[in-house]
């Protein structure tokens, strides 16, 4: 539940307050904050649903790590691409951008 609330608050921050840096920073803080908020919200929603299902069942089932699913890799890729664009003037921004592209590519090879 904490991750779900944190994701919603990050998303709201990115939508309402984050656009302020858009004029001065080029990308602004809001553009990377929106996918981070969506990612953390999806992760928290998934954990809440899993806990609700396991309370109803007798046996506990193992939850697959979110970062190993297609949606998790897609979300991380989107976040890293946007952060890489924002920091592309530094050398590390290119590495972050390429890592995001690789995660996009690898999400199509993931089975679950």
PDB file of N, CA and C in Angstrom:
ATOM      1  N   UNK A   1       0.814  -1.189   0.000  1.00  0.00           N
ATOM      2  CA  UNK A   1       0.000   0.000   0.000  1.00  0.00           C
ATOM      3  C   UNK A   1       0.868   1.268   0.000  1.00  0.00           C
ATOM      4  N   UNK A   2       2.037   1.179   0.650  1.00  0.00           N
ATOM      5  CA  UNK A   2       2.916   2.339   0.694  1.00  0.00           C
ATOM      6  C   UNK A   2       3.450   2.694  -0.678  1.00  0.00           C
ATOM      7  N   UNK A   3       3.813   1.681  -1.467  1.00  0.00           N
ATOM      8  CA  UNK A   3       4.324   1.960  -2.809  1.00  0.00           C
ATOM      9  C   UNK A   3       3.241   2.535  -3.698  1.00  0.00           C
ATOM     10  N   UNK A   4       2.014   2.076  -3.519  1.00  0.00           N
ATOM     11  CA  UNK A   4       0.906   2.604  -4.312  1.00  0.00           C
ATOM     12  C   UNK A   4       0.677   4.078  -3.996  1.00  0.00           C
ATOM     13  N   UNK A   5       0.655   4.434  -2.733  1.00  0.00           N
ATOM     14  CA  UNK A   5       0.478   5.840  -2.352  1.00  0.00           C
ATOM     15  C   UNK A   5       1.666   6.699  -2.780  1.00  0.00           C
ATOM     16  N   UNK A   6       2.871   6.149  -2.666  1.00  0.00           N
ATOM     17  CA  UNK A   6       4.048   6.888  -3.092  1.00  0.00           C
ATOM     18  C   UNK A   6       4.010   7.120  -4.603  1.00  0.00           C
ATOM     19  N   UNK A   7       3.601   6.129  -5.368  1.00  0.00           N
ATOM     20  CA  UNK A   7       3.513   6.283  -6.815  1.00  0.00           C
ATOM     21  C   UNK A   7       2.504   7.327  -7.226  1.00  0.00           C
ATOM     22  N   UNK A   8       1.352   7.332  -6.574  1.00  0.00           N
ATOM     23  CA  UNK A   8       0.327   8.327  -6.891  1.00  0.00           C
ATOM     24  C   UNK A   8       0.825   9.727  -6.530  1.00  0.00           C
ATOM     25  N   UNK A   9       1.511   9.861  -5.395  1.00  0.00           N
ATOM     26  CA  UNK A   9       2.011  11.188  -5.021  1.00  0.00           C
ATOM     27  C   UNK A   9       3.113  11.666  -5.959  1.00  0.00           C
ATOM     28  N   UNK A  10       3.989  10.773  -6.412  1.00  0.00           N
ATOM     29  CA  UNK A  10       5.020  11.160  -7.377  1.00  0.00           C
ATOM     30  C   UNK A  10       4.379  11.563  -8.699  1.00  0.00           C
ATOM     31  N   UNK A  11       3.365  10.825  -9.110  1.00  0.00           N
ATOM     32  CA  UNK A  11       2.657  11.146 -10.355  1.00  0.00           C
ATOM     33  C   UNK A  11       1.986  12.514 -10.258  1.00  0.00           C
ATOM     34  N   UNK A  12       1.327  12.789  -9.143  1.00  0.00           N
ATOM     35  CA  UNK A  12       0.688  14.098  -8.968  1.00  0.00           C
ATOM     36  C   UNK A  12       1.713  15.218  -8.910  1.00  0.00           C
ATOM     37  N   UNK A  13       2.846  14.969  -8.270  1.00  0.00           N
ATOM     38  CA  UNK A  13       3.920  15.964  -8.247  1.00  0.00           C
ATOM     39  C   UNK A  13       4.406  16.260  -9.657  1.00  0.00           C
ATOM     40  N   UNK A  14       4.606  15.215 -10.448  1.00  0.00           N
ATOM     41  CA  UNK A  14       5.073  15.409 -11.816  1.00  0.00           C
ATOM     42  C   UNK A  14       4.072  16.153 -12.681  1.00  0.00           C
ATOM     43  N   UNK A  15       2.783  15.920 -12.442  1.00  0.00           N
ATOM     44  CA  UNK A  15       1.760  16.572 -13.245  1.00  0.00           C
ATOM     45  C   UNK A  15       1.562  18.038 -12.873  1.00  0.00           C
ATOM     46  N   UNK A  16       1.536  18.333 -11.580  1.00  0.00           N
ATOM     47  CA  UNK A  16       1.181  19.681 -11.159  1.00  0.00           C
ATOM     48  C   UNK A  16       2.370  20.598 -10.893  1.00  0.00           C
ATOM     49  N   UNK A  17       3.433  20.087 -10.317  1.00  0.00           N
ATOM     50  CA  UNK A  17       4.554  20.938  -9.918  1.00  0.00           C
ATOM     51  C   UNK A  17       5.743  20.765 -10.863  1.00  0.00           C
ATOM     52  N   UNK A  18       5.887  19.612 -11.450  1.00  0.00           N
ATOM     53  CA  UNK A  18       7.078  19.296 -12.216  1.00  0.00           C
ATOM     54  C   UNK A  18       7.279  20.060 -13.491  1.00  0.00           C
ATOM     55  N   UNK A  19       6.262  20.649 -14.050  1.00  0.00           N
ATOM     56  CA  UNK A  19       6.409  21.396 -15.286  1.00  0.00           C
ATOM     57  C   UNK A  19       7.127  22.722 -15.125  1.00  0.00           C
ATOM     58  N   UNK A  20       7.401  23.109 -13.883  1.00  0.00           N
ATOM     59  CA  UNK A  20       8.037  24.400 -13.613  1.00  0.00           C
ATOM     60  C   UNK A  20       9.428  24.457 -14.223  1.00  0.00           C
ATOM     61  N   UNK A  21      10.183  23.377 -14.155  1.00  0.00           N
ATOM     62  CA  UNK A  21      11.549  23.386 -14.660  1.00  0.00           C
ATOM     63  C   UNK A  21      11.653  23.208 -16.156  1.00  0.00           C
ATOM     64  N   UNK A  22      10.539  23.110 -16.846  1.00  0.00           N
ATOM     65  CA  UNK A  22      10.553  22.838 -18.280  1.00  0.00           C
ATOM     66  C   UNK A  22      11.235  23.948 -19.076  1.00  0.00           C
ATOM     67  N   UNK A  23      11.018  25.196 -18.736  1.00  0.00           N
ATOM     68  CA  UNK A  23      11.591  26.295 -19.500  1.00  0.00           C
ATOM     69  C   UNK A  23      13.092  26.426 -19.266  1.00  0.00           C
ATOM     70  N   UNK A  24      13.533  26.185 -18.048  1.00  0.00           N
ATOM     71  CA  UNK A  24      14.947  26.401 -17.755  1.00  0.00           C
ATOM     72  C   UNK A  24      15.811  25.171 -17.990  1.00  0.00           C
ATOM     73  N   UNK A  25      15.257  23.993 -17.795  1.00  0.00           N
ATOM     74  CA  UNK A  25      16.074  22.781 -17.880  1.00  0.00           C
ATOM     75  C   UNK A  25      15.935  22.050 -19.204  1.00  0.00           C
ATOM     76  N   UNK A  26      15.039  22.449 -20.047  1.00  0.00           N
ATOM     77  CA  UNK A  26      14.857  21.747 -21.315  1.00  0.00           C
ATOM     78  C   UNK A  26      13.858  20.621 -21.188  1.00  0.00           C
ATOM     79  N   UNK A  27      14.164  19.603 -20.408  1.00  0.00           N
ATOM     80  CA  UNK A  27      13.243  18.492 -20.203  1.00  0.00           C
ATOM     81  C   UNK A  27      12.383  18.758 -18.985  1.00  0.00           C
ATOM     82  N   UNK A  28      12.916  19.386 -17.973  1.00  0.00           N
ATOM     83  CA  UNK A  28      12.171  19.676 -16.763  1.00  0.00           C
ATOM     84  C   UNK A  28      12.101  18.470 -15.853  1.00  0.00           C
ATOM     85  N   UNK A  29      11.687  18.698 -14.642  1.00  0.00           N
ATOM     86  CA  UNK A  29      11.603  17.620 -13.668  1.00  0.00           C
ATOM     87  C   UNK A  29      10.314  16.823 -13.848  1.00  0.00           C
ATOM     88  N   UNK A  30       9.289  17.429 -14.411  1.00  0.00           N
ATOM     89  CA  UNK A  30       7.997  16.757 -14.519  1.00  0.00           C
ATOM     90  C   UNK A  30       7.984  15.632 -15.519  1.00  0.00           C
ATOM     91  N   UNK A  31       8.733  15.757 -16.582  1.00  0.00           N
ATOM     92  CA  UNK A  31       8.689  14.727 -17.616  1.00  0.00           C
ATOM     93  C   UNK A  31       9.248  13.406 -17.112  1.00  0.00           C
ATOM     94  N   UNK A  32      10.387  13.348 -16.416  1.00  0.00           N
ATOM     95  CA  UNK A  32      10.798  12.056 -15.851  1.00  0.00           C
ATOM     96  C   UNK A  32       9.959  11.622 -14.653  1.00  0.00           C
ATOM     97  N   UNK A  33       9.366  12.558 -13.917  1.00  0.00           N
ATOM     98  CA  UNK A  33       8.600  12.199 -12.727  1.00  0.00           C
ATOM     99  C   UNK A  33       7.297  11.491 -13.075  1.00  0.00           C
ATOM    100  N   UNK A  34       6.705  11.801 -14.197  1.00  0.00           N
ATOM    101  CA  UNK A  34       5.442  11.170 -14.581  1.00  0.00           C
ATOM    102  C   UNK A  34       5.633   9.671 -14.830  1.00  0.00           C
ATOM    103  N   UNK A  35       6.619   9.228 -15.636  1.00  0.00           N
ATOM    104  CA  UNK A  35       6.793   7.778 -15.787  1.00  0.00           C
ATOM    105  C   UNK A  35       7.256   7.091 -14.505  1.00  0.00           C
ATOM    106  N   UNK A  36       8.033   7.801 -13.670  1.00  0.00           N
ATOM    107  CA  UNK A  36       8.434   7.205 -12.389  1.00  0.00           C
ATOM    108  C   UNK A  36       7.199   6.989 -11.533  1.00  0.00           C
ATOM    109  N   UNK A  37       6.300   7.951 -11.502  1.00  0.00           N
ATOM    110  CA  UNK A  37       5.059   7.800 -10.735  1.00  0.00           C
ATOM    111  C   UNK A  37       4.190   6.684 -11.259  1.00  0.00           C
ATOM    112  N   UNK A  38       4.076   6.575 -12.576  1.00  0.00           N
ATOM    113  CA  UNK A  38       3.285   5.491 -13.163  1.00  0.00           C
ATOM    114  C   UNK A  38       3.914   4.141 -12.838  1.00  0.00           C
ATOM    115  N   UNK A  39       5.239   4.067 -12.913  1.00  0.00           N
ATOM    116  CA  UNK A  39       5.949   2.820 -12.636  1.00  0.00           C
ATOM    117  C   UNK A  39       5.751   2.374 -11.188  1.00  0.00           C
ATOM    118  N   UNK A  40       5.943   3.290 -10.259  1.00  0.00           N
ATOM    119  CA  UNK A  40       5.802   2.933  -8.845  1.00  0.00           C
ATOM    120  C   UNK A  40       4.343   2.626  -8.510  1.00  0.00           C
ATOM    121  N   UNK A  41       3.394   3.314  -9.146  1.00  0.00           N
ATOM    122  CA  UNK A  41       1.981   3.021  -8.936  1.00  0.00           C
ATOM    123  C   UNK A  41       1.643   1.619  -9.436  1.00  0.00           C
ATOM    124  N   UNK A  42       2.105   1.253 -10.624  1.00  0.00           N
ATOM    125  CA  UNK A  42       1.851  -0.102 -11.147  1.00  0.00           C
ATOM    126  C   UNK A  42       2.485  -1.162 -10.250  1.00  0.00           C
ATOM    127  N   UNK A  43       3.670  -0.880  -9.783  1.00  0.00           N
ATOM    128  CA  UNK A  43       4.360  -1.831  -8.894  1.00  0.00           C
ATOM    129  C   UNK A  43       3.598  -2.000  -7.581  1.00  0.00           C
ATOM    130  N   UNK A  44       3.156  -0.887  -6.994  1.00  0.00           N
ATOM    131  CA  UNK A  44       2.392  -0.944  -5.754  1.00  0.00           C
ATOM    132  C   UNK A  44       1.041  -1.607  -5.926  1.00  0.00           C
ATOM    133  N   UNK A  45       0.376  -1.338  -7.051  1.00  0.00           N
ATOM    134  CA  UNK A  45      -0.921  -1.959  -7.340  1.00  0.00           C
ATOM    135  C   UNK A  45      -0.767  -3.471  -7.469  1.00  0.00           C
ATOM    136  N   UNK A  46       0.285  -3.885  -8.097  1.00  0.00           N
ATOM    137  CA  UNK A  46       0.550  -5.317  -8.277  1.00  0.00           C
ATOM    138  C   UNK A  46       0.798  -6.004  -6.936  1.00  0.00           C
ATOM    139  N   UNK A  47       1.549  -5.350  -6.060  1.00  0.00           N
ATOM    140  CA  UNK A  47       1.823  -5.914  -4.743  1.00  0.00           C
ATOM    141  C   UNK A  47       0.546  -5.981  -3.906  1.00  0.00           C
ATOM    142  N   UNK A  48      -0.284  -4.931  -3.956  1.00  0.00           N
ATOM    143  CA  UNK A  48      -1.550  -4.929  -3.206  1.00  0.00           C
ATOM    144  C   UNK A  48      -2.476  -6.035  -3.696  1.00  0.00           C
ATOM    145  N   UNK A  49      -2.572  -6.215  -5.005  1.00  0.00           N
ATOM    146  CA  UNK A  49      -3.419  -7.287  -5.546  1.00  0.00           C
ATOM    147  C   UNK A  49      -2.912  -8.656  -5.137  1.00  0.00           C
ATOM    148  N   UNK A  50      -1.595  -8.838  -5.133  1.00  0.00           N
ATOM    149  CA  UNK A  50      -1.024 -10.130  -4.751  1.00  0.00           C
ATOM    150  C   UNK A  50      -1.299 -10.429  -3.275  1.00  0.00           C
ATOM    151  N   UNK A  51      -1.166  -9.414  -2.420  1.00  0.00           N
ATOM    152  CA  UNK A  51      -1.444  -9.620  -0.994  1.00  0.00           C
ATOM    153  C   UNK A  51      -2.913  -9.945  -0.764  1.00  0.00           C
ATOM    154  N   UNK A  52      -3.807  -9.293  -1.500  1.00  0.00           N
ATOM    155  CA  UNK A  52      -5.235  -9.575  -1.351  1.00  0.00           C
ATOM    156  C   UNK A  52      -5.572 -10.997  -1.804  1.00  0.00           C
ATOM    157  N   UNK A  53      -4.947 -11.443  -2.881  1.00  0.00           N
ATOM    158  CA  UNK A  53      -5.204 -12.806  -3.372  1.00  0.00           C
ATOM    159  C   UNK A  53      -4.642 -13.866  -2.436  1.00  0.00           C
ATOM    160  N   UNK A  54      -3.459 -13.607  -1.852  1.00  0.00           N
ATOM    161  CA  UNK A  54      -2.862 -14.606  -0.972  1.00  0.00           C
ATOM    162  C   UNK A  54      -3.579 -14.667   0.373  1.00  0.00           C
ATOM    163  N   UNK A  55      -4.251 -13.598   0.797  1.00  0.00           N
ATOM    164  CA  UNK A  55      -5.044 -13.654   2.022  1.00  0.00           C
ATOM    165  C   UNK A  55      -6.234 -14.587   1.862  1.00  0.00           C
ATOM    166  N   UNK A  56      -6.789 -14.641   0.656  1.00  0.00           N
ATOM    167  CA  UNK A  56      -7.943 -15.489   0.393  1.00  0.00           C
ATOM    168  C   UNK A  56      -7.553 -16.955   0.233  1.00  0.00           C
ATOM    169  N   UNK A  57      -6.345 -17.207  -0.211  1.00  0.00           N
ATOM    170  CA  UNK A  57      -5.901 -18.577  -0.465  1.00  0.00           C
ATOM    171  C   UNK A  57      -5.220 -19.154   0.767  1.00  0.00           C
ATOM    172  N   UNK A  58      -5.218 -20.478   0.838  1.00  0.00           N
ATOM    173  CA  UNK A  58      -4.564 -21.167   1.949  1.00  0.00           C
ATOM    174  C   UNK A  58      -3.052 -21.140   1.803  1.00  0.00           C
ATOM    175  N   UNK A  59      -2.576 -21.404   0.601  1.00  0.00           N
ATOM    176  CA  UNK A  59      -1.134 -21.469   0.362  1.00  0.00           C
ATOM    177  C   UNK A  59      -0.642 -20.158  -0.231  1.00  0.00           C
ATOM    178  N   UNK A  60       0.567 -19.823   0.086  1.00  0.00           N
ATOM    179  CA  UNK A  60       1.152 -18.593  -0.433  1.00  0.00           C
ATOM    180  C   UNK A  60       1.837 -18.873  -1.760  1.00  0.00           C
ATOM    181  N   UNK A  61       1.617 -17.993  -2.709  1.00  0.00           N
ATOM    182  CA  UNK A  61       2.284 -18.091  -4.003  1.00  0.00           C
ATOM    183  C   UNK A  61       3.357 -17.014  -4.079  1.00  0.00           C
ATOM    184  N   UNK A  62       4.418 -17.344  -4.736  1.00  0.00           N
ATOM    185  CA  UNK A  62       5.554 -16.423  -4.871  1.00  0.00           C
ATOM    186  C   UNK A  62       5.252 -15.383  -5.947  1.00  0.00           C
ATOM    187  N   UNK A  63       5.533 -14.142  -5.656  1.00  0.00           N
ATOM    188  CA  UNK A  63       5.327 -13.049  -6.604  1.00  0.00           C
ATOM    189  C   UNK A  63       6.597 -12.860  -7.423  1.00  0.00           C
ATOM    190  N   UNK A  64       6.449 -12.860  -8.743  1.00  0.00           N
ATOM    191  CA  UNK A  64       7.591 -12.625  -9.629  1.00  0.00           C
ATOM    192  C   UNK A  64       8.001 -11.165  -9.491  1.00  0.00           C
ATOM    193  N   UNK A  65       9.285 -10.931  -9.407  1.00  0.00           N
ATOM    194  CA  UNK A  65       9.797  -9.571  -9.263  1.00  0.00           C
ATOM    195  C   UNK A  65       9.319  -8.714 -10.434  1.00  0.00           C
ATOM    196  N   UNK A  66       8.798  -7.525 -10.119  1.00  0.00           N
ATOM    197  CA  UNK A  66       8.188  -6.666 -11.132  1.00  0.00           C
ATOM    198  C   UNK A  66       9.165  -6.273 -12.229  1.00  0.00           C
ATOM    199  N   UNK A  67      10.417  -6.097 -11.877  1.00  0.00           N
ATOM    200  CA  UNK A  67      11.408  -5.687 -12.861  1.00  0.00           C
ATOM    201  C   UNK A  67      11.728  -6.786 -13.863  1.00  0.00           C
ATOM    202  N   UNK A  68      11.277  -8.007 -13.613  1.00  0.00           N
ATOM    203  CA  UNK A  68      11.516  -9.107 -14.546  1.00  0.00           C
ATOM    204  C   UNK A  68      10.340  -9.340 -15.484  1.00  0.00           C
ATOM    205  N   UNK A  69       9.255  -8.590 -15.321  1.00  0.00           N
ATOM    206  CA  UNK A  69       8.102  -8.720 -16.199  1.00  0.00           C
ATOM    207  C   UNK A  69       8.233  -7.760 -17.376  1.00  0.00           C
ATOM    208  N   UNK A  70       7.382  -7.956 -18.384  1.00  0.00           N
ATOM    209  CA  UNK A  70       7.410  -7.069 -19.550  1.00  0.00           C
ATOM    210  C   UNK A  70       7.077  -5.633 -19.177  1.00  0.00           C
ATOM    211  N   UNK A  71       6.034  -5.469 -18.354  1.00  0.00           N
ATOM    212  CA  UNK A  71       5.629  -4.117 -17.960  1.00  0.00           C
ATOM    213  C   UNK A  71       6.707  -3.441 -17.132  1.00  0.00           C
ATOM    214  N   UNK A  72       7.367  -4.187 -16.275  1.00  0.00           N
ATOM    215  CA  UNK A  72       8.443  -3.627 -15.460  1.00  0.00           C
ATOM    216  C   UNK A  72       9.621  -3.171 -16.298  1.00  0.00           C
ATOM    217  N   UNK A  73      10.034  -3.996 -17.264  1.00  0.00           N
ATOM    218  CA  UNK A  73      11.149  -3.607 -18.135  1.00  0.00           C
ATOM    219  C   UNK A  73      10.773  -2.436 -19.028  1.00  0.00           C
ATOM    220  N   UNK A  74       9.539  -2.416 -19.498  1.00  0.00           N
ATOM    221  CA  UNK A  74       9.071  -1.315 -20.329  1.00  0.00           C
ATOM    222  C   UNK A  74       9.074  -0.013 -19.534  1.00  0.00           C
ATOM    223  N   UNK A  75       8.581  -0.064 -18.302  1.00  0.00           N
ATOM    224  CA  UNK A  75       8.546   1.122 -17.459  1.00  0.00           C
ATOM    225  C   UNK A  75       9.926   1.635 -17.114  1.00  0.00           C
ATOM    226  N   UNK A  76      10.816   0.739 -16.737  1.00  0.00           N
ATOM    227  CA  UNK A  76      12.189   1.149 -16.443  1.00  0.00           C
ATOM    228  C   UNK A  76      12.875   1.716 -17.681  1.00  0.00           C
ATOM    229  N   UNK A  77      12.601   1.122 -18.836  1.00  0.00           N
ATOM    230  CA  UNK A  77      13.179   1.629 -20.081  1.00  0.00           C
ATOM    231  C   UNK A  77      12.715   3.043 -20.380  1.00  0.00           C
ATOM    232  N   UNK A  78      11.417   3.302 -20.190  1.00  0.00           N
ATOM    233  CA  UNK A  78      10.880   4.648 -20.428  1.00  0.00           C
ATOM    234  C   UNK A  78      11.495   5.660 -19.478  1.00  0.00           C
ATOM    235  N   UNK A  79      11.638   5.274 -18.225  1.00  0.00           N
ATOM    236  CA  UNK A  79      12.240   6.176 -17.240  1.00  0.00           C
ATOM    237  C   UNK A  79      13.689   6.486 -17.613  1.00  0.00           C
ATOM    238  N   UNK A  80      14.450   5.450 -17.949  1.00  0.00           N
ATOM    239  CA  UNK A  80      15.861   5.663 -18.259  1.00  0.00           C
ATOM    240  C   UNK A  80      16.056   6.454 -19.550  1.00  0.00           C
ATOM    241  N   UNK A  81      15.181   6.260 -20.520  1.00  0.00           N
ATOM    242  CA  UNK A  81      15.286   7.032 -21.762  1.00  0.00           C
ATOM    243  C   UNK A  81      15.044   8.515 -21.483  1.00  0.00           C
ATOM    244  N   UNK A  82      14.012   8.824 -20.707  1.00  0.00           N
ATOM    245  CA  UNK A  82      13.727  10.225 -20.416  1.00  0.00           C
ATOM    246  C   UNK A  82      14.815  10.866 -19.556  1.00  0.00           C
ATOM    247  N   UNK A  83      15.340  10.120 -18.596  1.00  0.00           N
ATOM    248  CA  UNK A  83      16.437  10.661 -17.792  1.00  0.00           C
ATOM    249  C   UNK A  83      17.696  10.801 -18.650  1.00  0.00           C
ATOM    250  N   UNK A  84      17.922   9.850 -19.552  1.00  0.00           N
ATOM    251  CA  UNK A  84      19.075   9.937 -20.445  1.00  0.00           C
ATOM    252  C   UNK A  84      19.000  11.124 -21.376  1.00  0.00           C
ATOM    253  N   UNK A  85      17.801  11.453 -21.851  1.00  0.00           N
ATOM    254  CA  UNK A  85      17.637  12.638 -22.701  1.00  0.00           C
ATOM    255  C   UNK A  85      17.925  13.900 -21.901  1.00  0.00           C
ATOM    256  N   UNK A  86      17.451  13.939 -20.667  1.00  0.00           N
ATOM    257  CA  UNK A  86      17.661  15.117 -19.832  1.00  0.00           C
ATOM    258  C   UNK A  86      19.113  15.334 -19.443  1.00  0.00           C
ATOM    259  N   UNK A  87      19.874  14.259 -19.352  1.00  0.00           N
ATOM    260  CA  UNK A  87      21.274  14.375 -18.947  1.00  0.00           C
ATOM    261  C   UNK A  87      22.226  14.042 -20.087  1.00  0.00           C
ATOM    262  N   UNK A  88      21.769  14.191 -21.313  1.00  0.00           N
ATOM    263  CA  UNK A  88      22.588  13.776 -22.453  1.00  0.00           C
ATOM    264  C   UNK A  88      23.798  14.685 -22.674  1.00  0.00           C
ATOM    265  N   UNK A  89      23.791  15.866 -22.085  1.00  0.00           N
ATOM    266  CA  UNK A  89      24.965  16.727 -22.250  1.00  0.00           C
ATOM    267  C   UNK A  89      26.158  16.177 -21.474  1.00  0.00           C
ATOM    268  N   UNK A  90      25.882  15.361 -20.465  1.00  0.00           N
ATOM    269  CA  UNK A  90      26.940  14.673 -19.740  1.00  0.00           C
ATOM    270  C   UNK A  90      27.166  13.323 -20.405  1.00  0.00           C
ATOM    271  N   UNK A  91      28.321  12.748 -20.225  1.00  0.00           N
ATOM    272  CA  UNK A  91      28.606  11.448 -20.838  1.00  0.00           C
ATOM    273  C   UNK A  91      27.747  10.329 -20.287  1.00  0.00           C
ATOM    274  N   UNK A  92      27.386  10.417 -19.016  1.00  0.00           N
ATOM    275  CA  UNK A  92      26.600   9.350 -18.403  1.00  0.00           C
ATOM    276  C   UNK A  92      25.177   9.299 -18.966  1.00  0.00           C
ATOM    277  N   UNK A  93      24.685  10.421 -19.489  1.00  0.00           N
ATOM    278  CA  UNK A  93      23.341  10.454 -20.057  1.00  0.00           C
ATOM    279  C   UNK A  93      23.199   9.544 -21.263  1.00  0.00           C
ATOM    280  N   UNK A  94      24.248   9.422 -22.040  1.00  0.00           N
ATOM    281  CA  UNK A  94      24.217   8.542 -23.210  1.00  0.00           C
ATOM    282  C   UNK A  94      24.155   7.086 -22.764  1.00  0.00           C
ATOM    283  N   UNK A  95      24.891   6.753 -21.719  1.00  0.00           N
ATOM    284  CA  UNK A  95      24.869   5.384 -21.184  1.00  0.00           C
ATOM    285  C   UNK A  95      23.489   5.069 -20.613  1.00  0.00           C
ATOM    286  N   UNK A  96      22.886   6.014 -19.897  1.00  0.00           N
ATOM    287  CA  UNK A  96      21.546   5.815 -19.341  1.00  0.00           C
ATOM    288  C   UNK A  96      20.538   5.643 -20.465  1.00  0.00           C
ATOM    289  N   UNK A  97      20.636   6.456 -21.502  1.00  0.00           N
ATOM    290  CA  UNK A  97      19.732   6.362 -22.651  1.00  0.00           C
ATOM    291  C   UNK A  97      19.852   5.000 -23.330  1.00  0.00           C
ATOM    292  N   UNK A  98      21.072   4.534 -23.553  1.00  0.00           N
ATOM    293  CA  UNK A  98      21.271   3.240 -24.208  1.00  0.00           C
ATOM    294  C   UNK A  98      20.778   2.080 -23.340  1.00  0.00           C
ATOM    295  N   UNK A  99      20.911   2.215 -22.024  1.00  0.00           N
ATOM    296  CA  UNK A  99      20.376   1.195 -21.128  1.00  0.00           C
ATOM    297  C   UNK A  99      18.853   1.138 -21.228  1.00  0.00           C
ATOM    298  N   UNK A 100      18.217   2.292 -21.343  1.00  0.00           N
ATOM    299  CA  UNK A 100      16.762   2.334 -21.531  1.00  0.00           C
ATOM    300  C   UNK A 100      16.340   1.697 -22.837  1.00  0.00           C
ATOM    301  N   UNK A 101      17.083   1.938 -23.903  1.00  0.00           N
ATOM    302  CA  UNK A 101      16.788   1.301 -25.197  1.00  0.00           C
ATOM    303  C   UNK A 101      16.934  -0.219 -25.089  1.00  0.00           C
ATOM    304  N   UNK A 102      17.973  -0.670 -24.380  1.00  0.00           N
ATOM    305  CA  UNK A 102      18.182  -2.113 -24.203  1.00  0.00           C
ATOM    306  C   UNK A 102      17.032  -2.729 -23.405  1.00  0.00           C
ATOM    307  N   UNK A 103      16.517  -2.031 -22.393  1.00  0.00           N
ATOM    308  CA  UNK A 103      15.391  -2.556 -21.627  1.00  0.00           C
ATOM    309  C   UNK A 103      14.126  -2.625 -22.475  1.00  0.00           C
ATOM    310  N   UNK A 104      13.925  -1.634 -23.351  1.00  0.00           N
ATOM    311  CA  UNK A 104      12.800  -1.705 -24.288  1.00  0.00           C
ATOM    312  C   UNK A 104      12.910  -2.950 -25.165  1.00  0.00           C
ATOM    313  N   UNK A 105      14.104  -3.189 -25.675  1.00  0.00           N
ATOM    314  CA  UNK A 105      14.326  -4.347 -26.531  1.00  0.00           C
ATOM    315  C   UNK A 105      14.118  -5.649 -25.757  1.00  0.00           C
ATOM    316  N   UNK A 106      14.625  -5.699 -24.535  1.00  0.00           N
ATOM    317  CA  UNK A 106      14.539  -6.941 -23.765  1.00  0.00           C
ATOM    318  C   UNK A 106      13.136  -7.210 -23.243  1.00  0.00           C
ATOM    319  N   UNK A 107      12.276  -6.211 -23.182  1.00  0.00           N
ATOM    320  CA  UNK A 107      10.910  -6.475 -22.688  1.00  0.00           C
ATOM    321  C   UNK A 107      10.127  -7.306 -23.694  1.00  0.00           C
ATOM    322  N   UNK A 108      10.499  -7.289 -24.946  1.00  0.00           N
ATOM    323  CA  UNK A 108       9.793  -8.095 -25.935  1.00  0.00           C
ATOM    324  C   UNK A 108      10.258  -9.540 -25.920  1.00  0.00           C
ATOM    325  N   UNK A 109      11.396  -9.814 -25.279  1.00  0.00           N
ATOM    326  CA  UNK A 109      11.894 -11.179 -25.176  1.00  0.00           C
ATOM    327  C   UNK A 109      11.472 -11.866 -23.889  1.00  0.00           C
ATOM    328  N   UNK A 110      10.861 -11.132 -22.942  1.00  0.00           N
ATOM    329  CA  UNK A 110      10.458 -11.673 -21.655  1.00  0.00           C
ATOM    330  C   UNK A 110       9.173 -12.479 -21.827  1.00  0.00           C
ATOM    331  N   UNK A 111       9.120 -13.627 -21.161  1.00  0.00           N
ATOM    332  CA  UNK A 111       7.944 -14.501 -21.291  1.00  0.00           C
ATOM    333  C   UNK A 111       6.784 -14.061 -20.409  1.00  0.00           C
ATOM    334  N   UNK A 112       7.056 -13.680 -19.157  1.00  0.00           N
ATOM    335  CA  UNK A 112       5.957 -13.397 -18.238  1.00  0.00           C
ATOM    336  C   UNK A 112       5.645 -11.937 -18.160  1.00  0.00           C
TER     337      UNK A 112
END
